[in-house]
C-alpha atoms as a PDB file:
ATOM      1  CA  MET A   1       4.314  42.210 -15.672  1.00  0.00           C
ATOM      2  CA  GLU A   2       2.504  39.125 -16.789  1.00  0.00           C
ATOM      3  CA  ARG A   3       1.154  36.777 -14.150  1.00  0.00           C
ATOM      4  CA  ARG A   4       1.057  33.088 -14.733  1.00  0.00           C
ATOM      5  CA  LYS A   5      -2.048  31.150 -13.955  1.00  0.00           C
ATOM      6  CA  LYS A   6      -1.660  28.133 -11.759  1.00  0.00           C
ATOM      7  CA  ILE A   7      -2.683  24.929 -13.419  1.00  0.00           C
ATOM      8  CA  ARG A   8      -4.901  22.857 -11.182  1.00  0.00           C
ATOM      9  CA  ARG A   9      -4.880  19.145 -11.679  1.00  0.00           C
ATOM     10  CA  LYS A  10      -7.827  16.980 -10.867  1.00  0.00           C
ATOM     11  CA  VAL A  11      -7.114  14.698  -7.964  1.00  0.00           C
ATOM     12  CA  VAL A  12      -8.204  11.178  -8.776  1.00  0.00           C
ATOM     13  CA  PRO A  13      -8.994   9.300  -5.564  1.00  0.00           C
ATOM     14  CA  LYS A  14      -7.183   6.003  -5.248  1.00  0.00           C
ATOM     15  CA  ILE A  15      -9.409   3.062  -4.516  1.00  0.00           C
ATOM     16  CA  CYS A  16      -8.286   0.333  -2.150  1.00  0.00           C
ATOM     17  CA  ARG A  17      -7.655  -2.806  -4.213  1.00  0.00           C
ATOM     18  CA  LEU A  18      -8.193  -4.961  -1.162  1.00  0.00           C
ATOM     19  CA  CYS A  19     -11.629  -3.443  -0.479  1.00  0.00           C
ATOM     20  CA  GLU A  20     -12.599  -4.028  -4.115  1.00  0.00           C
ATOM     21  CA  ASN A  21     -11.771  -7.727  -3.737  1.00  0.00           C
ATOM     22  CA  LYS A  22     -13.505  -7.822  -0.324  1.00  0.00           C
ATOM     23  CA  VAL A  23     -10.417  -9.089   1.517  1.00  0.00           C
ATOM     24  CA  LYS A  24     -11.149  -9.625   5.214  1.00  0.00           C
ATOM     25  CA  TYR A  25      -7.724 -10.904   6.307  1.00  0.00           C
ATOM     26  CA  ILE A  26      -4.231 -10.565   4.849  1.00  0.00           C
ATOM     27  CA  ASP A  27      -2.229 -13.741   5.334  1.00  0.00           C
ATOM     28  CA  PHE A  28       1.429 -13.292   6.263  1.00  0.00           C
ATOM     29  CA  LYS A  29       2.272 -16.647   4.644  1.00  0.00           C
ATOM     30  CA  ASP A  30       1.583 -15.264   1.153  1.00  0.00           C
ATOM     31  CA  PRO A  31       4.796 -13.440   0.192  1.00  0.00           C
ATOM     32  CA  GLU A  32       3.706 -12.748  -3.408  1.00  0.00           C
ATOM     33  CA  THR A  33       0.848 -10.537  -2.241  1.00  0.00           C
ATOM     34  CA  LEU A  34       2.998  -8.794   0.350  1.00  0.00           C
ATOM     35  CA  LYS A  35       5.753  -7.974  -2.170  1.00  0.00           C
ATOM     36  CA  LYS A  36       3.333  -5.758  -4.103  1.00  0.00           C
ATOM     37  CA  PHE A  37       3.168  -3.417  -1.115  1.00  0.00           C
ATOM     38  CA  GLN A  38       6.934  -3.229  -0.487  1.00  0.00           C
ATOM     39  CA  THR A  39       9.868  -1.493  -2.120  1.00  0.00           C
ATOM     40  CA  GLU A  40      12.793  -3.419  -3.583  1.00  0.00           C
ATOM     41  CA  LYS A  41      14.619  -3.001  -0.301  1.00  0.00           C
ATOM     42  CA  GLY A  42      11.684  -4.375   1.664  1.00  0.00           C
ATOM     43  CA  ARG A  43      10.239  -1.197   3.128  1.00  0.00           C
ATOM     44  CA  ILE A  44       6.468  -0.897   3.455  1.00  0.00           C
ATOM     45  CA  LEU A  45       4.936   1.512   0.945  1.00  0.00           C
ATOM     46  CA  PRO A  46       2.732   4.254   2.450  1.00  0.00           C
ATOM     47  CA  ARG A  47      -1.010   4.576   1.901  1.00  0.00           C
ATOM     48  CA  ARG A  48      -0.683   7.659  -0.281  1.00  0.00           C
ATOM     49  CA  ILE A  49       1.268   5.617  -2.839  1.00  0.00           C
ATOM     50  CA  THR A  50      -0.566   2.277  -2.709  1.00  0.00           C
ATOM     51  CA  GLY A  51      -4.052   3.713  -2.203  1.00  0.00           C
ATOM     52  CA  THR A  52      -5.041   1.229   0.491  1.00  0.00           C
ATOM     53  CA  CYS A  53      -7.514   2.181   3.200  1.00  0.00           C
ATOM     54  CA  LEU A  54      -6.512   2.578   6.837  1.00  0.00           C
ATOM     55  CA  ASP A  55      -7.763  -0.824   7.996  1.00  0.00           C
ATOM     56  CA  HIS A  56      -6.010  -2.738   5.221  1.00  0.00           C
ATOM     57  CA  GLN A  57      -2.810  -0.727   5.659  1.00  0.00           C
ATOM     58  CA  LYS A  58      -2.693  -1.748   9.328  1.00  0.00           C
ATOM     59  CA  MET A  59      -3.289  -5.393   8.377  1.00  0.00           C
ATOM     60  CA  LEU A  60      -0.586  -5.146   5.717  1.00  0.00           C
ATOM     61  CA  SER A  61       2.009  -3.728   8.085  1.00  0.00           C
ATOM     62  CA  VAL A  62       1.348  -6.440  10.679  1.00  0.00           C
ATOM     63  CA  ALA A  63       1.465  -9.182   8.028  1.00  0.00           C
ATOM     64  CA  ILE A  64       4.716  -7.866   6.515  1.00  0.00           C
ATOM     65  CA  LYS A  65       6.351  -7.624   9.934  1.00  0.00           C
ATOM     66  CA  ARG A  66       5.284 -11.179  10.783  1.00  0.00           C
ATOM     67  CA  ALA A  67       6.578 -12.452   7.455  1.00  0.00           C
ATOM     68  CA  ARG A  68       9.910 -10.696   8.053  1.00  0.00           C
ATOM     69  CA  PHE A  69      10.199 -12.331  11.458  1.00  0.00           C
ATOM     70  CA  ILE A  70       9.972 -15.824   9.978  1.00  0.00           C
ATOM     71  CA  SER A  71      12.096 -14.800   6.958  1.00  0.00           C
ATOM     72  CA  LEU A  72       9.480 -15.073   4.206  1.00  0.00           C
ATOM     73  CA  THR A  73      10.102 -11.600   2.774  1.00  0.00           C
ATOM     74  CA  LEU A  74      12.853  -8.999   2.912  1.00  0.00           C
END
């Protein structure tokens, strides 16, 4: 019986776009920036998809929730 070899793919680490731009604070009054980190239905995208670091992901989630509360985003 012939055994198949598993193909290993190289994992390319995602780099936080916000760290690259040296963002210190994410403003909840900027809906265009926040929409990049949401789905079409308005759900927050996880870190493994967006590639953001832990600190920026926490800031993003707080900013999106604040923007939702005052009806700026979905």
